[in-house]
Amino acid sequence: MAGFAAVRDDEVLHFGVALDAWGSGLAVAAHDALVARLRHAGVARPWLRVYAGNARGRAFWEKLGWACTGEHTRGTMPPYAELLTYALPPEIDRNPA
């Protein structure tokens, strides 16, 4: 397995690629395919949560046009880490149909 994504309605629940694929462009290609599928399904503004302390993850989403909404929550399991909500504005489309 090289990567995975899981969504529920307009929320991206999980997204990742294998460590040995980091830097290969696979994550960006998977992201673009995921966004294209969401847009095709009628999702105008997909969103997700990222751990506040995950600088690498936050930088990835921001590089691809996602923006922090200012909403934050806490994880459901100890240590109840802070989660930030990110959303992709409707006008951001790196892969127009």
PDB file of N, CA and C in Angstrom:
ATOM      1  N   MET A   1       0.850  -1.179   0.000  1.00  0.00           N
ATOM      2  CA  MET A   1       0.000   0.000   0.000  1.00  0.00           C
ATOM      3  C   MET A   1       0.893   1.238   0.000  1.00  0.00           C
ATOM      4  N   ALA A   2       0.593   2.154  -0.880  1.00  0.00           N
ATOM      5  CA  ALA A   2       1.393   3.372  -0.975  1.00  0.00           C
ATOM      6  C   ALA A   2       0.708   4.550  -0.303  1.00  0.00           C
ATOM      7  N   GLY A   3      -0.618   4.544  -0.242  1.00  0.00           N
ATOM      8  CA  GLY A   3      -1.334   5.660   0.356  1.00  0.00           C
ATOM      9  C   GLY A   3      -2.783   5.316   0.620  1.00  0.00           C
ATOM     10  N   PHE A   4      -3.455   6.215   1.319  1.00  0.00           N
ATOM     11  CA  PHE A   4      -4.854   5.991   1.650  1.00  0.00           C
ATOM     12  C   PHE A   4      -5.547   7.321   1.914  1.00  0.00           C
ATOM     13  N   ALA A   5      -6.845   7.307   1.793  1.00  0.00           N
ATOM     14  CA  ALA A   5      -7.683   8.453   2.150  1.00  0.00           C
ATOM     15  C   ALA A   5      -9.033   7.910   2.580  1.00  0.00           C
ATOM     16  N   ALA A   6      -9.630   8.586   3.537  1.00  0.00           N
ATOM     17  CA  ALA A   6     -10.985   8.243   3.973  1.00  0.00           C
ATOM     18  C   ALA A   6     -11.752   9.551   4.144  1.00  0.00           C
ATOM     19  N   VAL A   7     -12.967   9.568   3.620  1.00  0.00           N
ATOM     20  CA  VAL A   7     -13.805  10.762   3.721  1.00  0.00           C
ATOM     21  C   VAL A   7     -15.185  10.384   4.242  1.00  0.00           C
ATOM     22  N   ARG A   8     -15.835  11.349   4.831  1.00  0.00           N
ATOM     23  CA  ARG A   8     -17.241  11.221   5.222  1.00  0.00           C
ATOM     24  C   ARG A   8     -17.896  12.529   4.843  1.00  0.00           C
ATOM     25  N   ASP A   9     -18.793  12.461   3.870  1.00  0.00           N
ATOM     26  CA  ASP A   9     -19.461  13.654   3.348  1.00  0.00           C
ATOM     27  C   ASP A   9     -18.404  14.648   2.866  1.00  0.00           C
ATOM     28  N   ASP A  10     -18.304  15.809   3.505  1.00  0.00           N
ATOM     29  CA  ASP A  10     -17.334  16.816   3.068  1.00  0.00           C
ATOM     30  C   ASP A  10     -16.076  16.859   3.927  1.00  0.00           C
ATOM     31  N   GLU A  11     -15.941  15.898   4.859  1.00  0.00           N
ATOM     32  CA  GLU A  11     -14.788  15.862   5.757  1.00  0.00           C
ATOM     33  C   GLU A  11     -13.776  14.806   5.318  1.00  0.00           C
ATOM     34  N   VAL A  12     -12.519  15.216   5.231  1.00  0.00           N
ATOM     35  CA  VAL A  12     -11.426  14.276   5.006  1.00  0.00           C
ATOM     36  C   VAL A  12     -11.031  13.759   6.385  1.00  0.00           C
ATOM     37  N   LEU A  13     -11.296  12.492   6.636  1.00  0.00           N
ATOM     38  CA  LEU A  13     -11.029  11.895   7.946  1.00  0.00           C
ATOM     39  C   LEU A  13      -9.582  11.449   8.095  1.00  0.00           C
ATOM     40  N   HIS A  14      -9.032  10.855   7.051  1.00  0.00           N
ATOM     41  CA  HIS A  14      -7.667  10.324   7.081  1.00  0.00           C
ATOM     42  C   HIS A  14      -7.043  10.501   5.709  1.00  0.00           C
ATOM     43  N   PHE A  15      -5.748  10.779   5.705  1.00  0.00           N
ATOM     44  CA  PHE A  15      -5.014  10.919   4.451  1.00  0.00           C
ATOM     45  C   PHE A  15      -3.553  10.648   4.753  1.00  0.00           C
ATOM     46  N   GLY A  16      -2.912   9.822   3.961  1.00  0.00           N
ATOM     47  CA  GLY A  16      -1.498   9.580   4.179  1.00  0.00           C
ATOM     48  C   GLY A  16      -0.875   8.773   3.066  1.00  0.00           C
ATOM     49  N   VAL A  17       0.446   8.831   3.015  1.00  0.00           N
ATOM     50  CA  VAL A  17       1.220   7.996   2.090  1.00  0.00           C
ATOM     51  C   VAL A  17       2.330   7.321   2.889  1.00  0.00           C
ATOM     52  N   ALA A  18       2.835   6.227   2.367  1.00  0.00           N
ATOM     53  CA  ALA A  18       3.910   5.484   3.010  1.00  0.00           C
ATOM     54  C   ALA A  18       5.141   6.370   3.147  1.00  0.00           C
ATOM     55  N   LEU A  19       5.857   6.193   4.244  1.00  0.00           N
ATOM     56  CA  LEU A  19       7.053   7.011   4.505  1.00  0.00           C
ATOM     57  C   LEU A  19       8.048   6.954   3.352  1.00  0.00           C
ATOM     58  N   ASP A  20       8.215   5.792   2.739  1.00  0.00           N
ATOM     59  CA  ASP A  20       9.191   5.702   1.657  1.00  0.00           C
ATOM     60  C   ASP A  20       8.733   6.409   0.386  1.00  0.00           C
ATOM     61  N   ALA A  21       7.488   6.901   0.362  1.00  0.00           N
ATOM     62  CA  ALA A  21       6.981   7.665  -0.778  1.00  0.00           C
ATOM     63  C   ALA A  21       7.028   9.179  -0.530  1.00  0.00           C
ATOM     64  N   TRP A  22       7.402   9.579   0.684  1.00  0.00           N
ATOM     65  CA  TRP A  22       7.496  11.011   0.984  1.00  0.00           C
ATOM     66  C   TRP A  22       8.508  11.649   0.042  1.00  0.00           C
ATOM     67  N   GLY A  23       8.138  12.802  -0.497  1.00  0.00           N
ATOM     68  CA  GLY A  23       9.022  13.530  -1.400  1.00  0.00           C
ATOM     69  C   GLY A  23       8.948  13.072  -2.842  1.00  0.00           C
ATOM     70  N   SER A  24       8.143  12.054  -3.122  1.00  0.00           N
ATOM     71  CA  SER A  24       8.059  11.507  -4.480  1.00  0.00           C
ATOM     72  C   SER A  24       7.006  12.201  -5.343  1.00  0.00           C
ATOM     73  N   GLY A  25       6.150  13.011  -4.717  1.00  0.00           N
ATOM     74  CA  GLY A  25       5.045  13.622  -5.453  1.00  0.00           C
ATOM     75  C   GLY A  25       3.753  12.833  -5.330  1.00  0.00           C
ATOM     76  N   LEU A  26       3.824  11.632  -4.740  1.00  0.00           N
ATOM     77  CA  LEU A  26       2.630  10.796  -4.604  1.00  0.00           C
ATOM     78  C   LEU A  26       1.559  11.485  -3.761  1.00  0.00           C
ATOM     79  N   ALA A  27       1.950  12.129  -2.674  1.00  0.00           N
ATOM     80  CA  ALA A  27       0.964  12.771  -1.800  1.00  0.00           C
ATOM     81  C   ALA A  27       0.222  13.884  -2.534  1.00  0.00           C
ATOM     82  N   VAL A  28       0.928  14.673  -3.324  1.00  0.00           N
ATOM     83  CA  VAL A  28       0.280  15.753  -4.073  1.00  0.00           C
ATOM     84  C   VAL A  28      -0.662  15.167  -5.125  1.00  0.00           C
ATOM     85  N   ALA A  29      -0.221  14.127  -5.813  1.00  0.00           N
ATOM     86  CA  ALA A  29      -1.081  13.481  -6.813  1.00  0.00           C
ATOM     87  C   ALA A  29      -2.314  12.874  -6.156  1.00  0.00           C
ATOM     88  N   ALA A  30      -2.123  12.225  -5.002  1.00  0.00           N
ATOM     89  CA  ALA A  30      -3.267  11.645  -4.283  1.00  0.00           C
ATOM     90  C   ALA A  30      -4.209  12.741  -3.801  1.00  0.00           C
ATOM     91  N   HIS A  31      -3.652  13.834  -3.310  1.00  0.00           N
ATOM     92  CA  HIS A  31      -4.468  14.975  -2.882  1.00  0.00           C
ATOM     93  C   HIS A  31      -5.313  15.478  -4.036  1.00  0.00           C
ATOM     94  N   ASP A  32      -4.681  15.712  -5.183  1.00  0.00           N
ATOM     95  CA  ASP A  32      -5.404  16.251  -6.329  1.00  0.00           C
ATOM     96  C   ASP A  32      -6.514  15.312  -6.791  1.00  0.00           C
ATOM     97  N   ALA A  33      -6.243  14.004  -6.769  1.00  0.00           N
ATOM     98  CA  ALA A  33      -7.274  13.029  -7.142  1.00  0.00           C
ATOM     99  C   ALA A  33      -8.415  13.038  -6.125  1.00  0.00           C
ATOM    100  N   LEU A  34      -8.070  13.138  -4.854  1.00  0.00           N
ATOM    101  CA  LEU A  34      -9.094  13.187  -3.807  1.00  0.00           C
ATOM    102  C   LEU A  34      -9.977  14.415  -3.956  1.00  0.00           C
ATOM    103  N   VAL A  35      -9.362  15.572  -4.146  1.00  0.00           N
ATOM    104  CA  VAL A  35     -10.144  16.809  -4.308  1.00  0.00           C
ATOM    105  C   VAL A  35     -11.021  16.719  -5.553  1.00  0.00           C
ATOM    106  N   ALA A  36     -10.493  16.169  -6.636  1.00  0.00           N
ATOM    107  CA  ALA A  36     -11.294  16.015  -7.858  1.00  0.00           C
ATOM    108  C   ALA A  36     -12.521  15.141  -7.602  1.00  0.00           C
ATOM    109  N   ARG A  37     -12.351  14.062  -6.854  1.00  0.00           N
ATOM    110  CA  ARG A  37     -13.489  13.173  -6.534  1.00  0.00           C
ATOM    111  C   ARG A  37     -14.500  13.892  -5.658  1.00  0.00           C
ATOM    112  N   LEU A  38     -14.017  14.646  -4.678  1.00  0.00           N
ATOM    113  CA  LEU A  38     -14.925  15.393  -3.805  1.00  0.00           C
ATOM    114  C   LEU A  38     -15.693  16.439  -4.601  1.00  0.00           C
ATOM    115  N   ARG A  39     -14.998  17.172  -5.452  1.00  0.00           N
ATOM    116  CA  ARG A  39     -15.660  18.192  -6.283  1.00  0.00           C
ATOM    117  C   ARG A  39     -16.700  17.531  -7.196  1.00  0.00           C
ATOM    118  N   HIS A  40     -16.327  16.393  -7.790  1.00  0.00           N
ATOM    119  CA  HIS A  40     -17.257  15.675  -8.673  1.00  0.00           C
ATOM    120  C   HIS A  40     -18.501  15.230  -7.910  1.00  0.00           C
ATOM    121  N   ALA A  41     -18.335  14.930  -6.629  1.00  0.00           N
ATOM    122  CA  ALA A  41     -19.460  14.512  -5.782  1.00  0.00           C
ATOM    123  C   ALA A  41     -20.268  15.710  -5.274  1.00  0.00           C
ATOM    124  N   GLY A  42     -19.866  16.927  -5.662  1.00  0.00           N
ATOM    125  CA  GLY A  42     -20.624  18.112  -5.281  1.00  0.00           C
ATOM    126  C   GLY A  42     -20.145  18.795  -4.011  1.00  0.00           C
ATOM    127  N   VAL A  43     -19.000  18.382  -3.484  1.00  0.00           N
ATOM    128  CA  VAL A  43     -18.465  19.009  -2.274  1.00  0.00           C
ATOM    129  C   VAL A  43     -17.773  20.308  -2.668  1.00  0.00           C
ATOM    130  N   ALA A  44     -18.311  21.426  -2.212  1.00  0.00           N
ATOM    131  CA  ALA A  44     -17.755  22.727  -2.557  1.00  0.00           C
ATOM    132  C   ALA A  44     -16.593  23.118  -1.648  1.00  0.00           C
ATOM    133  N   ARG A  45     -16.662  22.719  -0.380  1.00  0.00           N
ATOM    134  CA  ARG A  45     -15.656  23.163   0.595  1.00  0.00           C
ATOM    135  C   ARG A  45     -15.271  22.006   1.527  1.00  0.00           C
ATOM    136  N   PRO A  46     -14.392  21.120   1.059  1.00  0.00           N
ATOM    137  CA  PRO A  46     -13.962  20.030   1.937  1.00  0.00           C
ATOM    138  C   PRO A  46     -13.183  20.578   3.131  1.00  0.00           C
ATOM    139  N   TRP A  47     -13.215  19.813   4.214  1.00  0.00           N
ATOM    140  CA  TRP A  47     -12.500  20.244   5.411  1.00  0.00           C
ATOM    141  C   TRP A  47     -11.887  19.046   6.113  1.00  0.00           C
ATOM    142  N   LEU A  48     -10.975  19.330   7.036  1.00  0.00           N
ATOM    143  CA  LEU A  48     -10.291  18.285   7.786  1.00  0.00           C
ATOM    144  C   LEU A  48      -9.746  18.888   9.069  1.00  0.00           C
ATOM    145  N   ARG A  49      -9.258  18.013   9.930  1.00  0.00           N
ATOM    146  CA  ARG A  49      -8.608  18.454  11.162  1.00  0.00           C
ATOM    147  C   ARG A  49      -7.167  17.965  11.153  1.00  0.00           C
ATOM    148  N   VAL A  50      -6.268  18.829  11.635  1.00  0.00           N
ATOM    149  CA  VAL A  50      -4.843  18.531  11.708  1.00  0.00           C
ATOM    150  C   VAL A  50      -4.378  18.836  13.127  1.00  0.00           C
ATOM    151  N   TYR A  51      -3.523  17.984  13.668  1.00  0.00           N
ATOM    152  CA  TYR A  51      -2.967  18.281  14.987  1.00  0.00           C
ATOM    153  C   TYR A  51      -2.181  19.593  14.918  1.00  0.00           C
ATOM    154  N   ALA A  52      -2.429  20.465  15.871  1.00  0.00           N
ATOM    155  CA  ALA A  52      -1.756  21.766  15.912  1.00  0.00           C
ATOM    156  C   ALA A  52      -0.239  21.596  15.936  1.00  0.00           C
ATOM    157  N   GLY A  53       0.250  20.573  16.590  1.00  0.00           N
ATOM    158  CA  GLY A  53       1.678  20.333  16.682  1.00  0.00           C
ATOM    159  C   GLY A  53       2.301  19.653  15.474  1.00  0.00           C
ATOM    160  N   ASN A  54       1.499  19.336  14.467  1.00  0.00           N
ATOM    161  CA  ASN A  54       1.998  18.648  13.279  1.00  0.00           C
ATOM    162  C   ASN A  54       2.389  19.679  12.219  1.00  0.00           C
ATOM    163  N   ALA A  55       3.549  20.296  12.403  1.00  0.00           N
ATOM    164  CA  ALA A  55       3.990  21.354  11.488  1.00  0.00           C
ATOM    165  C   ALA A  55       4.135  20.842  10.057  1.00  0.00           C
ATOM    166  N   ARG A  56       4.640  19.633   9.888  1.00  0.00           N
ATOM    167  CA  ARG A  56       4.816  19.082   8.535  1.00  0.00           C
ATOM    168  C   ARG A  56       3.458  18.900   7.848  1.00  0.00           C
ATOM    169  N   GLY A  57       2.505  18.332   8.575  1.00  0.00           N
ATOM    170  CA  GLY A  57       1.168  18.133   8.015  1.00  0.00           C
ATOM    171  C   GLY A  57       0.488  19.456   7.681  1.00  0.00           C
ATOM    172  N   ARG A  58       0.576  20.394   8.587  1.00  0.00           N
ATOM    173  CA  ARG A  58      -0.039  21.707   8.347  1.00  0.00           C
ATOM    174  C   ARG A  58       0.585  22.380   7.128  1.00  0.00           C
ATOM    175  N   ALA A  59       1.906  22.298   6.986  1.00  0.00           N
ATOM    176  CA  ALA A  59       2.585  22.892   5.836  1.00  0.00           C
ATOM    177  C   ALA A  59       2.139  22.232   4.530  1.00  0.00           C
ATOM    178  N   PHE A  60       1.930  20.917   4.559  1.00  0.00           N
ATOM    179  CA  PHE A  60       1.463  20.204   3.362  1.00  0.00           C
ATOM    180  C   PHE A  60       0.120  20.757   2.907  1.00  0.00           C
ATOM    181  N   TRP A  61      -0.847  20.809   3.825  1.00  0.00           N
ATOM    182  CA  TRP A  61      -2.186  21.281   3.456  1.00  0.00           C
ATOM    183  C   TRP A  61      -2.159  22.738   3.023  1.00  0.00           C
ATOM    184  N   GLU A  62      -1.399  23.569   3.709  1.00  0.00           N
ATOM    185  CA  GLU A  62      -1.325  24.989   3.358  1.00  0.00           C
ATOM    186  C   GLU A  62      -0.694  25.183   1.983  1.00  0.00           C
ATOM    187  N   LYS A  63       0.324  24.397   1.663  1.00  0.00           N
ATOM    188  CA  LYS A  63       0.976  24.479   0.350  1.00  0.00           C
ATOM    189  C   LYS A  63      -0.031  24.206  -0.773  1.00  0.00           C
ATOM    190  N   LEU A  64      -1.016  23.366  -0.493  1.00  0.00           N
ATOM    191  CA  LEU A  64      -1.996  22.981  -1.508  1.00  0.00           C
ATOM    192  C   LEU A  64      -3.258  23.842  -1.474  1.00  0.00           C
ATOM    193  N   GLY A  65      -3.233  24.929  -0.697  1.00  0.00           N
ATOM    194  CA  GLY A  65      -4.328  25.888  -0.727  1.00  0.00           C
ATOM    195  C   GLY A  65      -5.323  25.798   0.401  1.00  0.00           C
ATOM    196  N   TRP A  66      -5.161  24.853   1.300  1.00  0.00           N
ATOM    197  CA  TRP A  66      -6.061  24.730   2.438  1.00  0.00           C
ATOM    198  C   TRP A  66      -5.733  25.830   3.443  1.00  0.00           C
ATOM    199  N   ALA A  67      -6.744  26.319   4.142  1.00  0.00           N
ATOM    200  CA  ALA A  67      -6.542  27.396   5.106  1.00  0.00           C
ATOM    201  C   ALA A  67      -7.157  27.025   6.453  1.00  0.00           C
ATOM    202  N   CYS A  68      -6.474  27.423   7.506  1.00  0.00           N
ATOM    203  CA  CYS A  68      -6.989  27.209   8.859  1.00  0.00           C
ATOM    204  C   CYS A  68      -8.213  28.104   9.046  1.00  0.00           C
ATOM    205  N   THR A  69      -9.290  27.528   9.542  1.00  0.00           N
ATOM    206  CA  THR A  69     -10.531  28.281   9.714  1.00  0.00           C
ATOM    207  C   THR A  69     -10.577  29.044  11.030  1.00  0.00           C
ATOM    208  N   GLY A  70      -9.646  28.748  11.925  1.00  0.00           N
ATOM    209  CA  GLY A  70      -9.663  29.346  13.257  1.00  0.00           C
ATOM    210  C   GLY A  70     -10.392  28.488  14.272  1.00  0.00           C
ATOM    211  N   GLU A  71     -11.089  27.464  13.799  1.00  0.00           N
ATOM    212  CA  GLU A  71     -11.790  26.548  14.707  1.00  0.00           C
ATOM    213  C   GLU A  71     -10.788  25.527  15.249  1.00  0.00           C
ATOM    214  N   HIS A  72     -10.863  25.284  16.541  1.00  0.00           N
ATOM    215  CA  HIS A  72     -10.001  24.260  17.111  1.00  0.00           C
ATOM    216  C   HIS A  72     -10.790  23.424  18.109  1.00  0.00           C
ATOM    217  N   THR A  73     -10.381  22.168  18.203  1.00  0.00           N
ATOM    218  CA  THR A  73     -11.007  21.208  19.106  1.00  0.00           C
ATOM    219  C   THR A  73      -9.886  20.431  19.790  1.00  0.00           C
ATOM    220  N   ARG A  74     -10.271  19.448  20.572  1.00  0.00           N
ATOM    221  CA  ARG A  74      -9.313  18.568  21.228  1.00  0.00           C
ATOM    222  C   ARG A  74      -9.586  17.139  20.785  1.00  0.00           C
ATOM    223  N   GLY A  75      -8.533  16.355  20.683  1.00  0.00           N
ATOM    224  CA  GLY A  75      -8.680  14.944  20.364  1.00  0.00           C
ATOM    225  C   GLY A  75      -9.496  14.238  21.436  1.00  0.00           C
ATOM    226  N   THR A  76     -10.038  13.094  21.087  1.00  0.00           N
ATOM    227  CA  THR A  76     -10.916  12.368  22.005  1.00  0.00           C
ATOM    228  C   THR A  76     -10.179  11.416  22.936  1.00  0.00           C
ATOM    229  N   MET A  77      -8.865  11.255  22.722  1.00  0.00           N
ATOM    230  CA  MET A  77      -8.083  10.332  23.550  1.00  0.00           C
ATOM    231  C   MET A  77      -6.898  11.081  24.157  1.00  0.00           C
ATOM    232  N   PRO A  78      -6.447  10.627  25.328  1.00  0.00           N
ATOM    233  CA  PRO A  78      -5.280  11.266  25.946  1.00  0.00           C
ATOM    234  C   PRO A  78      -4.125  11.290  24.950  1.00  0.00           C
ATOM    235  N   PRO A  79      -3.405  12.361  24.872  1.00  0.00           N
ATOM    236  CA  PRO A  79      -3.372  13.527  25.752  1.00  0.00           C
ATOM    237  C   PRO A  79      -4.323  14.652  25.324  1.00  0.00           C
ATOM    238  N   TYR A  80      -5.361  14.327  24.548  1.00  0.00           N
ATOM    239  CA  TYR A  80      -6.360  15.307  24.117  1.00  0.00           C
ATOM    240  C   TYR A  80      -5.702  16.486  23.400  1.00  0.00           C
ATOM    241  N   ALA A  81      -4.873  16.153  22.420  1.00  0.00           N
ATOM    242  CA  ALA A  81      -4.109  17.156  21.674  1.00  0.00           C
ATOM    243  C   ALA A  81      -5.031  18.098  20.904  1.00  0.00           C
ATOM    244  N   GLU A  82      -4.552  19.306  20.717  1.00  0.00           N
ATOM    245  CA  GLU A  82      -5.324  20.323  19.988  1.00  0.00           C
ATOM    246  C   GLU A  82      -5.359  19.987  18.501  1.00  0.00           C
ATOM    247  N   LEU A  83      -6.546  20.098  17.923  1.00  0.00           N
ATOM    248  CA  LEU A  83      -6.765  19.890  16.492  1.00  0.00           C
ATOM    249  C   LEU A  83      -7.222  21.204  15.873  1.00  0.00           C
ATOM    250  N   LEU A  84      -6.674  21.544  14.719  1.00  0.00           N
ATOM    251  CA  LEU A  84      -7.083  22.740  13.983  1.00  0.00           C
ATOM    252  C   LEU A  84      -7.891  22.316  12.766  1.00  0.00           C
ATOM    253  N   THR A  85      -8.932  23.049  12.470  1.00  0.00           N
ATOM    254  CA  THR A  85      -9.754  22.756  11.295  1.00  0.00           C
ATOM    255  C   THR A  85      -9.216  23.536  10.099  1.00  0.00           C
ATOM    256  N   TYR A  86      -9.038  22.827   8.995  1.00  0.00           N
ATOM    257  CA  TYR A  86      -8.613  23.415   7.732  1.00  0.00           C
ATOM    258  C   TYR A  86      -9.720  23.172   6.704  1.00  0.00           C
ATOM    259  N   ALA A  87      -9.882  24.112   5.782  1.00  0.00           N
ATOM    260  CA  ALA A  87     -10.861  23.959   4.711  1.00  0.00           C
ATOM    261  C   ALA A  87     -10.231  24.402   3.396  1.00  0.00           C
ATOM    262  N   LEU A  88     -10.719  23.828   2.320  1.00  0.00           N
ATOM    263  CA  LEU A  88     -10.260  24.200   0.981  1.00  0.00           C
ATOM    264  C   LEU A  88     -11.330  25.088   0.356  1.00  0.00           C
ATOM    265  N   PRO A  89     -11.001  26.354   0.111  1.00  0.00           N
ATOM    266  CA  PRO A  89     -11.993  27.253  -0.490  1.00  0.00           C
ATOM    267  C   PRO A  89     -12.479  26.733  -1.840  1.00  0.00           C
ATOM    268  N   PRO A  90     -13.733  27.011  -2.176  1.00  0.00           N
ATOM    269  CA  PRO A  90     -14.292  26.509  -3.442  1.00  0.00           C
ATOM    270  C   PRO A  90     -13.504  26.943  -4.674  1.00  0.00           C
ATOM    271  N   GLU A  91     -12.872  28.103  -4.622  1.00  0.00           N
ATOM    272  CA  GLU A  91     -12.166  28.585  -5.804  1.00  0.00           C
ATOM    273  C   GLU A  91     -10.820  27.904  -6.028  1.00  0.00           C
ATOM    274  N   ILE A  92     -10.337  27.139  -5.053  1.00  0.00           N
ATOM    275  CA  ILE A  92      -9.059  26.439  -5.213  1.00  0.00           C
ATOM    276  C   ILE A  92      -9.330  25.118  -5.917  1.00  0.00           C
ATOM    277  N   ASP A  93      -8.799  25.009  -7.105  1.00  0.00           N
ATOM    278  CA  ASP A  93      -8.932  23.774  -7.876  1.00  0.00           C
ATOM    279  C   ASP A  93      -7.667  23.596  -8.687  1.00  0.00           C
ATOM    280  N   ARG A  94      -6.786  22.751  -8.221  1.00  0.00           N
ATOM    281  CA  ARG A  94      -5.503  22.521  -8.882  1.00  0.00           C
ATOM    282  C   ARG A  94      -5.634  21.604 -10.098  1.00  0.00           C
ATOM    283  N   ASN A  95      -6.786  20.980 -10.259  1.00  0.00           N
ATOM    284  CA  ASN A  95      -7.003  20.006 -11.316  1.00  0.00           C
ATOM    285  C   ASN A  95      -8.337  20.262 -12.000  1.00  0.00           C
ATOM    286  N   PRO A  96      -8.504  21.377 -12.678  1.00  0.00           N
ATOM    287  CA  PRO A  96      -9.813  21.661 -13.275  1.00  0.00           C
ATOM    288  C   PRO A  96     -10.235  20.579 -14.270  1.00  0.00           C
ATOM    289  N   ALA A  97     -11.504  20.260 -14.276  1.00  0.00           N
ATOM    290  CA  ALA A  97     -12.026  19.205 -15.166  1.00  0.00           C
ATOM    291  C   ALA A  97     -12.083  19.665 -16.603  1.00  0.00           C
TER     292      ALA A  97
END
